[in-house]
Amino acid sequence: MPPILEIHTLIMKKEIHPQNYRLVVFKDISCDYSFISRSTVDTKETIVMDDGKEYPLVKLEISHMSHPFYTGKMKLVDTAGRVDKFRNRYKKHGEKKAE
């Protein structure tokens, strides 16, 4: 066994970590970026990737490819319309103070 695996098995407590890790596709829906990682997350959706295999799919609203901190762009990603709802709700309130 390689030394890293020996340390890993010595440090980790037995029987407390999940055993059902599998390859899962995480897809950033704001910029159409996908990546595959191991995960135990439950999902009902699947996607066929470029390799022709079908994987479970987890949709993300933001990732390192769309987050302003990592991209350097101050782009507002609002898939649920929350900002518009907020502005419409408090639009009249702001107008009253301006008078």
Protein backbone atom coordinates (compact mmCIF):
# COMPACT_ATOMS: atom_id res chain seq x y z
CA MET A 1 0.00 0.00 0.00
CA PRO A 2 1.36 3.49 -0.84
CA PRO A 3 2.33 5.57 2.20
CA ILE A 4 -0.47 8.13 1.67
CA LEU A 5 -3.13 5.44 1.76
CA GLU A 6 -1.62 3.95 4.90
CA ILE A 7 -1.82 7.33 6.68
CA HIS A 8 -5.34 7.88 5.35
CA THR A 9 -6.58 4.55 6.71
CA LEU A 10 -4.88 5.14 10.06
CA ILE A 11 -6.30 8.63 10.59
CA MET A 12 -9.90 8.06 9.47
CA LYS A 13 -12.28 6.59 12.02
CA LYS A 14 -13.88 3.37 10.90
CA GLU A 15 -17.61 2.96 10.18
CA ILE A 16 -18.52 6.67 10.33
CA HIS A 17 -17.89 7.60 6.70
CA PRO A 18 -20.37 6.78 3.93
CA GLN A 19 -19.47 3.93 1.61
CA ASN A 20 -21.76 4.87 -1.30
CA TYR A 21 -19.48 7.35 -3.11
CA ARG A 22 -20.05 7.47 -6.85
CA LEU A 23 -19.21 9.75 -9.77
CA VAL A 24 -21.68 12.65 -10.03
CA VAL A 25 -21.91 15.54 -12.51
CA PHE A 26 -22.23 19.01 -10.98
CA LYS A 27 -23.56 21.54 -13.52
CA ASP A 28 -23.46 25.32 -13.07
CA ILE A 29 -26.72 26.37 -14.74
CA SER A 30 -25.72 30.05 -14.94
CA CYS A 31 -22.78 29.44 -17.31
CA ASP A 32 -23.36 25.85 -18.54
CA TYR A 33 -20.15 24.52 -16.92
CA SER A 34 -20.04 20.90 -15.75
CA PHE A 35 -17.55 18.84 -13.79
CA ILE A 36 -17.46 15.30 -12.44
CA SER A 37 -16.64 14.54 -8.83
CA ARG A 38 -17.22 11.77 -6.34
CA SER A 39 -20.17 12.36 -4.04
CA THR A 40 -22.85 10.70 -1.94
CA VAL A 41 -25.53 13.27 -2.80
CA ASP A 42 -28.98 11.91 -3.70
CA THR A 43 -30.41 13.11 -7.01
CA LYS A 44 -33.18 12.03 -9.35
CA GLU A 45 -31.83 13.64 -12.54
CA THR A 46 -29.18 12.15 -14.81
CA ILE A 47 -27.08 13.42 -17.70
CA VAL A 48 -25.07 11.76 -20.47
CA MET A 49 -21.59 13.24 -20.66
CA ASP A 50 -19.14 13.40 -23.60
CA ASP A 51 -17.74 9.98 -22.72
CA GLY A 52 -21.17 8.44 -23.44
CA LYS A 53 -21.79 7.41 -19.84
CA GLU A 54 -24.84 8.43 -17.82
CA TYR A 55 -24.20 10.10 -14.45
CA PRO A 56 -26.39 11.47 -11.67
CA LEU A 57 -26.82 15.26 -12.07
CA VAL A 58 -26.71 18.00 -9.43
CA LYS A 59 -27.58 21.52 -10.63
CA LEU A 60 -25.71 24.42 -9.07
CA GLU A 61 -26.68 28.09 -9.23
CA ILE A 62 -23.08 29.24 -8.87
CA SER A 63 -19.60 27.73 -9.09
CA HIS A 64 -16.04 28.96 -9.45
CA MET A 65 -16.74 29.60 -13.14
CA SER A 66 -19.54 32.09 -12.43
CA HIS A 67 -18.72 33.52 -8.98
CA PRO A 68 -17.52 37.16 -9.16
CA PHE A 69 -14.64 36.50 -6.75
CA TYR A 70 -13.10 33.92 -9.09
CA THR A 71 -14.07 35.49 -12.42
CA GLY A 72 -13.15 39.09 -11.55
CA LYS A 73 -16.42 40.26 -13.06
CA MET A 74 -19.16 41.83 -10.99
CA LYS A 75 -21.97 39.98 -12.71
CA LEU A 76 -25.19 39.44 -10.78
CA VAL A 77 -26.45 35.90 -11.18
CA ASP A 78 -30.07 35.76 -10.13
CA THR A 79 -31.84 32.68 -11.45
CA ALA A 80 -34.84 32.95 -9.14
CA GLY A 81 -35.63 36.65 -9.73
CA ARG A 82 -35.07 37.49 -6.06
CA VAL A 83 -33.47 40.87 -6.74
CA ASP A 84 -36.34 41.95 -9.00
CA LYS A 85 -38.90 40.87 -6.40
CA PHE A 86 -37.05 42.86 -3.74
CA ARG A 87 -36.82 45.97 -5.90
CA ASN A 88 -40.51 45.80 -6.84
CA ARG A 89 -41.59 45.24 -3.25
CA TYR A 90 -39.67 48.19 -1.85
CA LYS A 91 -39.96 50.49 -4.86
CA LYS A 92 -42.84 52.48 -3.34
CA HIS A 93 -41.05 52.69 0.00
CA GLY A 94 -38.06 54.37 -1.64
CA GLU A 95 -40.29 56.80 -3.54
CA LYS A 96 -41.99 58.00 -0.35
CA LYS A 97 -38.70 58.94 1.27
CA ALA A 98 -37.57 60.84 -1.84
CA GLU A 99 -40.60 63.17 -1.59
